[in-house]
Amino acid sequence: MNRSTGKESKKYDQLVAQVKHKRGTRELAQRCLIVCEDNVSAVDYFEAVKKHLHVTTLSVQVMGSHGRTQPIQVVERALASRDKAMDDDVPFRYIWCVVDGDYGDSVKTARAKAAASQHDGMSVQLIVTTQCFEHWVLLHFVHDDSPCENCDCVVSKLCKITACTKSSFQFDEAMRGLEDACQRAKSKDQTRINSIKSLPENCNPCSEIYKIIETLRSIQRKESR
C-alpha cells in the first residue's frame, strides 16, 4: 500500500467511526460504488459479479451513466453520489468509474478530475478498458492480446465465441472465467506499467477491471471472518 492510499484509508476509518458513534451502532458495512459508462452491459456484468461472489455483508452499489457517457460525466456522477452518501452518513470506501479507453484525451481529463477528488479520505478511481468494456468480457473466454481498431472489432471477436450481441449477454456464463480474466488482464497491465509505461487508454488492448474484482474479493474475505 502506498503512503497516500494509507492516509485515505485512515481518514475513511475515522469517518466511519464518527458515523458509528452518531448512530450508536458497532456495525457499518464497507460500501463500494461502481459507476459505469453505459446503462446496460457493464451494469448487468457487475450485478452478475455480486451474485457470483455471494456479496452479502459487503454493500456494492452499481449504477449507469443515464446517457451521460463521456468519462468526465461518469466521474461527475460518481462525485455527486459520493457527496450524497456522505450527507446521508453512509460513506463509500471505494468508488470506481468504469470507462472505455477509446475516448482518448477525454479519459485524461476525467483522470485529472478524479485525482483531485479526494475528500475525507474518499477519492474516485478511474478504471479503464481499451478499446472498450467488451475486451474485458472477452478475456473471460480467451487470452487475446491483439489490438482492435475500434469497439465494433472487439464486439465481433466476442460474438464469434459466445452467443451474444452488444446489448444482450448472459454474464452468468462469463463468471466461470472470472479468475482467468483477472490473471490475463493483470499480466497485461503489469507489462504496461513495468515496460511500456503508458496510460491504459494508450495501451491497446488492456483492462484495469481486475483491480475492482481483487478489491471485492479482499473485502469479502475480511467481512466473512
Protein backbone atom coordinates (compact mmCIF):
# COMPACT_ATOMS: atom_id res chain seq x y z
CA MET A 1 0.00 0.00 0.00
CA ASN A 2 1.42 3.38 -0.91
CA ARG A 3 1.51 6.25 1.57
CA SER A 4 -1.37 8.22 0.04
CA THR A 5 -3.62 5.16 -0.05
CA GLY A 6 -2.82 4.51 3.61
CA LYS A 7 -3.78 8.07 4.53
CA GLU A 8 -7.06 7.79 2.60
CA SER A 9 -7.88 4.54 4.38
CA LYS A 10 -7.16 6.09 7.78
CA LYS A 11 -9.36 9.09 7.03
CA TYR A 12 -12.15 6.79 5.90
CA ASP A 13 -11.85 4.73 9.10
CA GLN A 14 -12.08 7.91 11.14
CA LEU A 15 -15.18 8.98 9.23
CA VAL A 16 -16.81 5.58 9.74
CA ALA A 17 -16.02 5.78 13.46
CA GLN A 18 -17.80 9.14 13.62
CA VAL A 19 -20.83 7.68 11.85
CA LYS A 20 -20.89 4.68 14.18
CA HIS A 21 -20.78 6.98 17.19
CA LYS A 22 -23.56 9.15 15.78
CA ARG A 23 -25.74 6.12 15.10
CA GLY A 24 -24.86 4.32 18.30
CA THR A 25 -24.00 1.13 16.41
CA ARG A 26 -20.95 -1.06 16.09
CA GLU A 27 -21.58 -2.37 12.61
CA LEU A 28 -21.29 -0.44 9.39
CA ALA A 29 -20.55 -2.45 6.27
CA GLN A 30 -17.80 -1.26 3.97
CA ARG A 31 -19.55 0.20 0.95
CA CYS A 32 -18.41 0.34 -2.65
CA LEU A 33 -19.72 2.29 -5.61
CA ILE A 34 -19.22 1.30 -9.25
CA VAL A 35 -20.33 3.89 -11.81
CA CYS A 36 -20.43 2.51 -15.35
CA GLU A 37 -20.23 4.36 -18.62
CA ASP A 38 -23.29 2.59 -20.02
CA ASN A 39 -26.63 1.63 -18.54
CA VAL A 40 -26.86 -1.99 -19.66
CA SER A 41 -23.88 -4.26 -20.34
CA ALA A 42 -21.44 -3.11 -17.66
CA VAL A 43 -24.18 -2.68 -15.05
CA ASP A 44 -25.51 -6.19 -15.73
CA TYR A 45 -21.98 -7.55 -15.59
CA PHE A 46 -21.20 -6.15 -12.16
CA GLU A 47 -24.55 -7.33 -10.84
CA ALA A 48 -23.52 -10.81 -12.02
CA VAL A 49 -20.19 -10.38 -10.22
CA LYS A 50 -22.02 -9.52 -7.00
CA LYS A 51 -24.09 -12.69 -7.34
CA HIS A 52 -21.06 -14.81 -8.22
CA LEU A 53 -19.03 -13.57 -5.25
CA HIS A 54 -22.01 -14.03 -2.91
CA VAL A 55 -21.76 -10.43 -1.80
CA THR A 56 -23.89 -10.07 1.30
CA THR A 57 -22.44 -8.03 4.17
CA LEU A 58 -20.39 -6.03 1.71
CA SER A 59 -22.67 -3.46 0.07
CA VAL A 60 -21.82 -2.80 -3.57
CA GLN A 61 -23.90 -0.24 -5.44
CA VAL A 62 -23.76 -0.30 -9.24
CA MET A 63 -25.15 2.49 -11.39
CA GLY A 64 -25.13 3.51 -15.03
CA SER A 65 -24.45 6.85 -16.64
CA HIS A 66 -28.06 7.74 -17.56
CA GLY A 67 -26.86 8.61 -21.04
CA ARG A 68 -24.03 10.85 -19.88
CA THR A 69 -21.28 8.63 -21.24
CA GLN A 70 -18.31 10.97 -21.52
CA PRO A 71 -15.61 9.96 -18.99
CA ILE A 72 -15.78 13.34 -17.24
CA GLN A 73 -19.55 12.93 -16.89
CA VAL A 74 -19.10 9.49 -15.33
CA VAL A 75 -16.69 10.98 -12.79
CA GLU A 76 -19.10 13.82 -12.04
CA ARG A 77 -21.91 11.32 -11.40
CA ALA A 78 -19.64 9.41 -9.04
CA LEU A 79 -18.72 12.58 -7.15
CA ALA A 80 -22.37 13.56 -6.78
CA SER A 81 -23.19 10.10 -5.42
CA ARG A 82 -20.22 10.26 -3.05
CA ASP A 83 -21.33 13.60 -1.65
CA LYS A 84 -24.91 12.40 -1.16
CA ALA A 85 -23.66 9.27 0.61
CA MET A 86 -21.64 11.43 2.98
CA ASP A 87 -24.63 13.66 3.67
CA ASP A 88 -26.66 10.52 4.44
CA ASP A 89 -23.93 9.18 6.77
CA VAL A 90 -23.36 6.10 4.61
CA PRO A 91 -19.96 6.85 3.04
CA PHE A 92 -18.32 4.75 0.36
CA ARG A 93 -14.88 3.34 0.97
CA TYR A 94 -14.19 2.57 -2.69
CA ILE A 95 -15.54 4.46 -5.68
CA TRP A 96 -14.73 3.30 -9.21
CA CYS A 97 -15.63 4.83 -12.58
CA VAL A 98 -15.58 2.20 -15.34
CA VAL A 99 -14.91 3.86 -18.70
CA ASP A 100 -13.74 2.89 -22.17
CA GLY A 101 -10.29 3.90 -23.35
CA ASP A 102 -11.39 4.82 -26.86
CA TYR A 103 -12.31 8.34 -25.73
CA GLY A 104 -8.65 9.35 -25.99
CA ASP A 105 -7.76 12.67 -24.37
CA SER A 106 -11.18 12.83 -22.69
CA VAL A 107 -10.02 9.99 -20.45
CA LYS A 108 -7.02 12.04 -19.33
CA THR A 109 -9.30 14.95 -18.44
CA ALA A 110 -11.51 12.65 -16.38
CA ARG A 111 -8.47 11.16 -14.67
CA ALA A 112 -7.28 14.60 -13.64
CA LYS A 113 -10.68 15.41 -12.10
CA ALA A 114 -10.77 12.05 -10.32
CA ALA A 115 -7.24 12.56 -8.99
CA ALA A 116 -8.26 15.90 -7.50
CA SER A 117 -11.41 14.47 -5.95
CA GLN A 118 -10.17 13.34 -2.55
CA HIS A 119 -12.45 14.39 0.27
CA ASP A 120 -12.42 12.98 3.79
CA GLY A 121 -10.39 10.01 2.58
CA MET A 122 -12.73 9.18 -0.28
CA SER A 123 -11.45 9.59 -3.81
CA VAL A 124 -12.66 8.35 -7.18
CA GLN A 125 -10.57 5.86 -9.13
CA LEU A 126 -10.79 5.64 -12.91
CA ILE A 127 -10.88 2.08 -14.28
CA VAL A 128 -10.12 1.98 -18.00
CA THR A 129 -10.58 -0.76 -20.59
CA THR A 130 -9.18 -0.22 -24.10
CA GLN A 131 -10.74 -0.26 -26.58
CA CYS A 132 -13.93 -0.93 -24.64
CA PHE A 133 -15.60 -2.92 -21.87
CA GLU A 134 -16.21 -5.86 -24.19
CA HIS A 135 -12.46 -6.58 -24.23
CA TRP A 136 -12.68 -7.35 -20.51
CA VAL A 137 -15.60 -9.72 -21.17
CA LEU A 138 -13.61 -11.39 -23.97
CA LEU A 139 -10.82 -12.19 -21.50
CA HIS A 140 -13.21 -14.44 -19.58
CA PHE A 141 -13.13 -16.83 -22.53
CA VAL A 142 -9.78 -16.45 -24.29
CA HIS A 143 -6.41 -14.82 -23.96
CA ASP A 144 -6.48 -12.04 -26.52
CA ASP A 145 -3.61 -9.62 -26.90
CA SER A 146 -4.23 -8.37 -30.43
CA PRO A 147 -5.20 -4.71 -30.89
CA CYS A 148 -8.53 -3.64 -32.34
CA GLU A 149 -9.21 -0.53 -34.35
CA ASN A 150 -12.49 0.16 -32.58
CA CYS A 151 -15.09 -1.30 -30.25
CA ASP A 152 -17.02 -2.94 -33.09
CA CYS A 153 -13.94 -5.07 -33.75
CA VAL A 154 -13.88 -6.20 -30.10
CA VAL A 155 -17.60 -6.99 -30.12
CA SER A 156 -17.15 -9.01 -33.30
CA LYS A 157 -14.48 -11.14 -31.61
CA LEU A 158 -16.68 -11.69 -28.59
CA CYS A 159 -19.73 -12.66 -30.63
CA LYS A 160 -17.73 -15.26 -32.55
CA ILE A 161 -17.08 -17.26 -29.38
CA THR A 162 -20.29 -16.59 -27.44
CA ALA A 163 -23.99 -16.30 -28.21
CA CYS A 164 -24.33 -12.59 -27.68
CA THR A 165 -24.96 -9.19 -29.14
CA LYS A 166 -23.61 -5.89 -27.87
CA SER A 167 -26.84 -5.18 -26.00
CA SER A 168 -27.68 -8.71 -24.89
CA PHE A 169 -25.40 -11.03 -22.96
CA GLN A 170 -25.84 -13.63 -20.22
CA PHE A 171 -22.99 -12.81 -17.87
CA ASP A 172 -23.56 -15.84 -15.66
CA GLU A 173 -21.74 -17.82 -18.35
CA ALA A 174 -18.79 -15.45 -18.21
CA MET A 175 -18.41 -15.84 -14.43
CA ARG A 176 -16.84 -19.27 -14.94
CA GLY A 177 -13.86 -17.50 -16.45
CA LEU A 178 -13.63 -14.63 -13.96
CA GLU A 179 -10.33 -15.75 -12.44
CA ASP A 180 -8.83 -16.30 -15.91
CA ALA A 181 -9.89 -12.80 -16.94
CA CYS A 182 -8.24 -11.30 -13.86
CA GLN A 183 -4.98 -13.15 -14.48
CA ARG A 184 -4.89 -12.23 -18.17
CA ALA A 185 -5.70 -8.57 -17.59
CA LYS A 186 -3.32 -8.22 -14.65
CA SER A 187 -0.43 -9.75 -16.60
CA LYS A 188 -1.01 -7.34 -19.48
CA ASP A 189 -1.37 -4.39 -17.15
CA GLN A 190 1.82 -5.21 -15.28
CA THR A 191 3.65 -5.29 -18.62
CA ARG A 192 2.21 -1.88 -19.41
CA ILE A 193 3.25 -0.46 -16.05
CA ASN A 194 6.72 -2.00 -15.94
CA SER A 195 7.77 -1.81 -19.59
CA ILE A 196 5.60 0.39 -21.76
CA LYS A 197 4.88 2.98 -19.05
CA SER A 198 1.86 4.20 -21.00
CA LEU A 199 -1.57 5.20 -19.78
CA PRO A 200 -4.16 2.40 -20.18
CA GLU A 201 -6.09 4.33 -22.83
CA ASN A 202 -2.91 4.25 -24.92
CA CYS A 203 -2.38 0.51 -24.48
CA ASN A 204 -4.49 -1.45 -26.96
CA PRO A 205 -5.75 -3.77 -25.60
CA CYS A 206 -5.78 -3.69 -21.81
CA SER A 207 -8.22 -3.59 -18.89
CA GLU A 208 -7.98 -2.47 -15.27
CA ILE A 209 -11.25 -4.06 -14.15
CA TYR A 210 -9.32 -6.84 -12.42
CA LYS A 211 -8.49 -4.22 -9.74
CA ILE A 212 -12.16 -3.99 -8.79
CA ILE A 213 -12.54 -7.76 -8.62
CA GLU A 214 -9.42 -8.17 -6.47
CA THR A 215 -10.60 -5.50 -4.05
CA LEU A 216 -14.08 -7.01 -3.77
CA ARG A 217 -12.58 -10.43 -3.07
CA SER A 218 -10.28 -8.97 -0.42
CA ILE A 219 -13.03 -7.10 1.39
CA GLN A 220 -15.35 -10.07 1.17
CA ARG A 221 -12.75 -12.26 2.90
CA LYS A 222 -12.41 -9.71 5.71
CA GLU A 223 -16.16 -9.35 6.08
CA SER A 224 -16.66 -13.13 6.32
CA ARG A 225 -14.23 -13.61 9.21
